[in-house]
Amino acid sequence: MYRSDTPFFDPSDKINPTPIASGTTSYVDVNPPCGTCYYRVWNYQLDTPPPVVAAVVPGTGPAAGGTAVQVFGTGFLSGAKVYFGGVLAANITVVSGNLIACTTPAHAAGAVEAKVQNTNGQEGALANGFNYQ
């Protein structure tokens, strides 16, 4: 959502950085800084399915991190992030919509979720996708 004191908008006029829930019929603008405010709202449906994480190869590595892995699945978008047990991976390269190469971060020993988050906010995860030893 954007608000401006003129009928023209630029990126600095953005007032709501998160999507407004579907079905919302009104928005209360508390203490608007302009006498007459202009608003622009875009509502659109994400046209891509969420990513699916199918496998991480290799599936094990040291708790110190640093293991070069390949994440296989579908729906990976350019700029996607990869998390292992909630910790952001390093050296993330989206090779294709089906493959991401990255390096595991340090984590306590045990099996953790491997998650891919696309830039549009959609996520997919594989429970016990990587095992730290």
C-alpha atoms as a PDB file:
ATOM      1  CA  MET A   1       0.000   0.000   0.000  1.00  0.00           C
ATOM      2  CA  TYR A   2       1.272   3.448  -0.928  1.00  0.00           C
ATOM      3  CA  ARG A   3       0.244   6.883   0.407  1.00  0.00           C
ATOM      4  CA  SER A   4       1.129  10.258  -1.091  1.00  0.00           C
ATOM      5  CA  ASP A   5       0.074  13.883  -0.783  1.00  0.00           C
ATOM      6  CA  THR A   6      -0.008  14.007  -4.618  1.00  0.00           C
ATOM      7  CA  PRO A   7      -1.602  11.581  -7.082  1.00  0.00           C
ATOM      8  CA  PHE A   8       1.908  10.362  -7.997  1.00  0.00           C
ATOM      9  CA  PHE A   9       3.764   7.599  -6.165  1.00  0.00           C
ATOM     10  CA  ASP A  10       7.368   6.554  -5.704  1.00  0.00           C
ATOM     11  CA  PRO A  11       8.989   3.815  -3.576  1.00  0.00           C
ATOM     12  CA  SER A  12       9.365   6.110  -0.558  1.00  0.00           C
ATOM     13  CA  ASP A  13       5.549   6.380  -0.357  1.00  0.00           C
ATOM     14  CA  LYS A  14       5.186   2.728   0.675  1.00  0.00           C
ATOM     15  CA  ILE A  15       3.451   2.552   4.070  1.00  0.00           C
ATOM     16  CA  ASN A  16       2.599  -1.122   4.478  1.00  0.00           C
ATOM     17  CA  PRO A  17       5.536  -3.463   3.833  1.00  0.00           C
ATOM     18  CA  THR A  18       3.520  -6.634   4.378  1.00  0.00           C
ATOM     19  CA  PRO A  19       0.589  -7.902   2.320  1.00  0.00           C
ATOM     20  CA  ILE A  20      -2.885  -7.079   3.552  1.00  0.00           C
ATOM     21  CA  ALA A  21      -4.897 -10.229   4.231  1.00  0.00           C
ATOM     22  CA  SER A  22      -7.289 -11.446   1.545  1.00  0.00           C
ATOM     23  CA  GLY A  23     -10.842 -10.370   2.213  1.00  0.00           C
ATOM     24  CA  THR A  24      -9.808  -7.147   3.993  1.00  0.00           C
ATOM     25  CA  THR A  25     -12.405  -4.500   3.190  1.00  0.00           C
ATOM     26  CA  SER A  26     -10.905  -1.514   4.973  1.00  0.00           C
ATOM     27  CA  TYR A  27      -7.629  -0.145   6.295  1.00  0.00           C
ATOM     28  CA  VAL A  28      -7.373   2.500   9.005  1.00  0.00           C
ATOM     29  CA  ASP A  29      -4.563   4.961   8.323  1.00  0.00           C
ATOM     30  CA  VAL A  30      -3.699   6.272  11.772  1.00  0.00           C
ATOM     31  CA  ASN A  31      -2.405   9.878  11.807  1.00  0.00           C
ATOM     32  CA  PRO A  32      -1.860  10.380   8.078  1.00  0.00           C
ATOM     33  CA  PRO A  33       0.668  13.174   7.469  1.00  0.00           C
ATOM     34  CA  CYS A  34      -1.265  14.791   4.625  1.00  0.00           C
ATOM     35  CA  GLY A  35      -4.485  16.822   4.560  1.00  0.00           C
ATOM     36  CA  THR A  36      -5.629  15.077   1.401  1.00  0.00           C
ATOM     37  CA  CYS A  37      -4.001  11.689   0.933  1.00  0.00           C
ATOM     38  CA  TYR A  38      -3.932   9.561  -2.180  1.00  0.00           C
ATOM     39  CA  TYR A  39      -3.659   5.792  -1.878  1.00  0.00           C
ATOM     40  CA  ARG A  40      -2.651   3.061  -4.270  1.00  0.00           C
ATOM     41  CA  VAL A  41      -3.236  -0.595  -3.438  1.00  0.00           C
ATOM     42  CA  TRP A  42      -2.383  -3.628  -5.529  1.00  0.00           C
ATOM     43  CA  ASN A  43      -4.006  -6.959  -4.864  1.00  0.00           C
ATOM     44  CA  TYR A  44      -2.729  -9.943  -6.764  1.00  0.00           C
ATOM     45  CA  GLN A  45      -2.465 -13.663  -6.337  1.00  0.00           C
ATOM     46  CA  LEU A  46       0.925 -15.308  -6.369  1.00  0.00           C
ATOM     47  CA  ASP A  47       1.068 -17.132  -9.668  1.00  0.00           C
ATOM     48  CA  THR A  48       3.762 -19.599  -8.712  1.00  0.00           C
ATOM     49  CA  PRO A  49       3.458 -22.701  -6.567  1.00  0.00           C
ATOM     50  CA  PRO A  50       5.545 -22.769  -3.395  1.00  0.00           C
ATOM     51  CA  PRO A  51       8.933 -24.461  -3.578  1.00  0.00           C
ATOM     52  CA  VAL A  52       9.205 -28.160  -2.767  1.00  0.00           C
ATOM     53  CA  VAL A  53      12.381 -29.500  -1.149  1.00  0.00           C
ATOM     54  CA  ALA A  54      12.879 -33.135  -2.162  1.00  0.00           C
ATOM     55  CA  ALA A  55      16.453 -33.924  -1.070  1.00  0.00           C
ATOM     56  CA  VAL A  56      19.719 -32.514   0.242  1.00  0.00           C
ATOM     57  CA  VAL A  57      22.923 -34.171  -1.005  1.00  0.00           C
ATOM     58  CA  PRO A  58      24.989 -35.001   0.924  1.00  0.00           C
ATOM     59  CA  GLY A  59      22.512 -35.412   3.754  1.00  0.00           C
ATOM     60  CA  THR A  60      25.028 -35.320   6.610  1.00  0.00           C
ATOM     61  CA  GLY A  61      27.895 -33.116   7.702  1.00  0.00           C
ATOM     62  CA  PRO A  62      29.785 -31.766  10.706  1.00  0.00           C
ATOM     63  CA  ALA A  63      28.130 -29.542  13.316  1.00  0.00           C
ATOM     64  CA  ALA A  64      30.808 -26.934  12.532  1.00  0.00           C
ATOM     65  CA  GLY A  65      29.088 -26.409   9.158  1.00  0.00           C
ATOM     66  CA  GLY A  66      30.936 -25.786   5.936  1.00  0.00           C
ATOM     67  CA  THR A  67      29.529 -28.735   3.989  1.00  0.00           C
ATOM     68  CA  ALA A  68      28.907 -27.956   0.309  1.00  0.00           C
ATOM     69  CA  VAL A  69      25.457 -29.346  -0.490  1.00  0.00           C
ATOM     70  CA  GLN A  70      22.982 -29.456  -3.321  1.00  0.00           C
ATOM     71  CA  VAL A  71      19.307 -28.920  -2.563  1.00  0.00           C
ATOM     72  CA  PHE A  72      17.003 -30.647  -5.048  1.00  0.00           C
ATOM     73  CA  GLY A  73      13.310 -29.928  -5.559  1.00  0.00           C
ATOM     74  CA  THR A  74      10.992 -27.742  -7.619  1.00  0.00           C
ATOM     75  CA  GLY A  75       9.853 -24.138  -7.744  1.00  0.00           C
ATOM     76  CA  PHE A  76      13.126 -22.476  -6.709  1.00  0.00           C
ATOM     77  CA  LEU A  77      13.242 -18.817  -7.786  1.00  0.00           C
ATOM     78  CA  SER A  78      16.271 -16.620  -8.337  1.00  0.00           C
ATOM     79  CA  GLY A  79      17.317 -15.058  -5.022  1.00  0.00           C
ATOM     80  CA  ALA A  80      15.874 -17.889  -2.906  1.00  0.00           C
ATOM     81  CA  LYS A  81      17.344 -18.423   0.570  1.00  0.00           C
ATOM     82  CA  VAL A  82      18.135 -21.760   2.200  1.00  0.00           C
ATOM     83  CA  TYR A  83      17.933 -22.445   5.933  1.00  0.00           C
ATOM     84  CA  PHE A  84      19.133 -25.443   7.930  1.00  0.00           C
ATOM     85  CA  GLY A  85      17.461 -25.702  11.312  1.00  0.00           C
ATOM     86  CA  GLY A  86      16.437 -22.044  10.970  1.00  0.00           C
ATOM     87  CA  VAL A  87      19.999 -20.830  10.274  1.00  0.00           C
ATOM     88  CA  LEU A  88      20.750 -19.182   6.915  1.00  0.00           C
ATOM     89  CA  ALA A  89      23.112 -21.113   4.647  1.00  0.00           C
ATOM     90  CA  ALA A  90      26.135 -19.466   3.006  1.00  0.00           C
ATOM     91  CA  ASN A  91      27.226 -19.236  -0.639  1.00  0.00           C
ATOM     92  CA  ILE A  92      23.692 -19.767  -1.962  1.00  0.00           C
ATOM     93  CA  THR A  93      23.494 -20.164  -5.739  1.00  0.00           C
ATOM     94  CA  VAL A  94      20.191 -20.924  -7.438  1.00  0.00           C
ATOM     95  CA  VAL A  95      21.425 -23.062 -10.319  1.00  0.00           C
ATOM     96  CA  SER A  96      17.941 -23.729 -11.711  1.00  0.00           C
ATOM     97  CA  GLY A  97      14.336 -24.053 -10.628  1.00  0.00           C
ATOM     98  CA  ASN A  98      15.229 -27.549  -9.419  1.00  0.00           C
ATOM     99  CA  LEU A  99      18.673 -27.098  -7.879  1.00  0.00           C
ATOM    100  CA  ILE A 100      20.339 -24.831  -5.328  1.00  0.00           C
ATOM    101  CA  ALA A 101      23.981 -25.125  -4.284  1.00  0.00           C
ATOM    102  CA  CYS A 102      24.991 -23.777  -0.857  1.00  0.00           C
ATOM    103  CA  THR A 103      27.150 -24.330   2.212  1.00  0.00           C
ATOM    104  CA  THR A 104      25.675 -25.470   5.516  1.00  0.00           C
ATOM    105  CA  PRO A 105      25.957 -23.168   8.536  1.00  0.00           C
ATOM    106  CA  ALA A 106      27.133 -24.358  11.945  1.00  0.00           C
ATOM    107  CA  HIS A 107      24.418 -26.011  14.049  1.00  0.00           C
ATOM    108  CA  ALA A 108      24.076 -28.332  17.024  1.00  0.00           C
ATOM    109  CA  ALA A 109      24.235 -32.048  16.240  1.00  0.00           C
ATOM    110  CA  GLY A 110      21.051 -33.751  15.090  1.00  0.00           C
ATOM    111  CA  ALA A 111      18.592 -33.843  12.220  1.00  0.00           C
ATOM    112  CA  VAL A 112      17.222 -30.454  11.131  1.00  0.00           C
ATOM    113  CA  GLU A 113      14.707 -29.099   8.668  1.00  0.00           C
ATOM    114  CA  ALA A 114      16.047 -27.906   5.301  1.00  0.00           C
ATOM    115  CA  LYS A 115      13.938 -24.979   4.081  1.00  0.00           C
ATOM    116  CA  VAL A 116      13.907 -22.940   0.872  1.00  0.00           C
ATOM    117  CA  GLN A 117      12.282 -19.507   0.950  1.00  0.00           C
ATOM    118  CA  ASN A 118      11.600 -17.749  -2.334  1.00  0.00           C
ATOM    119  CA  THR A 119      11.768 -13.973  -2.641  1.00  0.00           C
ATOM    120  CA  ASN A 120       7.951 -13.822  -2.849  1.00  0.00           C
ATOM    121  CA  GLY A 121       7.712 -15.273   0.679  1.00  0.00           C
ATOM    122  CA  GLN A 122       6.653 -18.775  -0.306  1.00  0.00           C
ATOM    123  CA  GLU A 123       8.489 -21.602   1.442  1.00  0.00           C
ATOM    124  CA  GLY A 124       8.980 -25.307   1.214  1.00  0.00           C
ATOM    125  CA  ALA A 125      10.751 -27.551   3.694  1.00  0.00           C
ATOM    126  CA  LEU A 126      12.027 -31.071   4.151  1.00  0.00           C
ATOM    127  CA  ALA A 127      11.752 -32.350   7.721  1.00  0.00           C
ATOM    128  CA  ASN A 128      14.990 -33.972   8.864  1.00  0.00           C
ATOM    129  CA  GLY A 129      16.525 -32.849   5.577  1.00  0.00           C
ATOM    130  CA  PHE A 130      20.076 -32.618   6.937  1.00  0.00           C
ATOM    131  CA  ASN A 131      21.802 -34.427   9.785  1.00  0.00           C
ATOM    132  CA  TYR A 132      24.546 -32.603  11.692  1.00  0.00           C
ATOM    133  CA  GLN A 133      27.089 -34.918  13.332  1.00  0.00           C
END
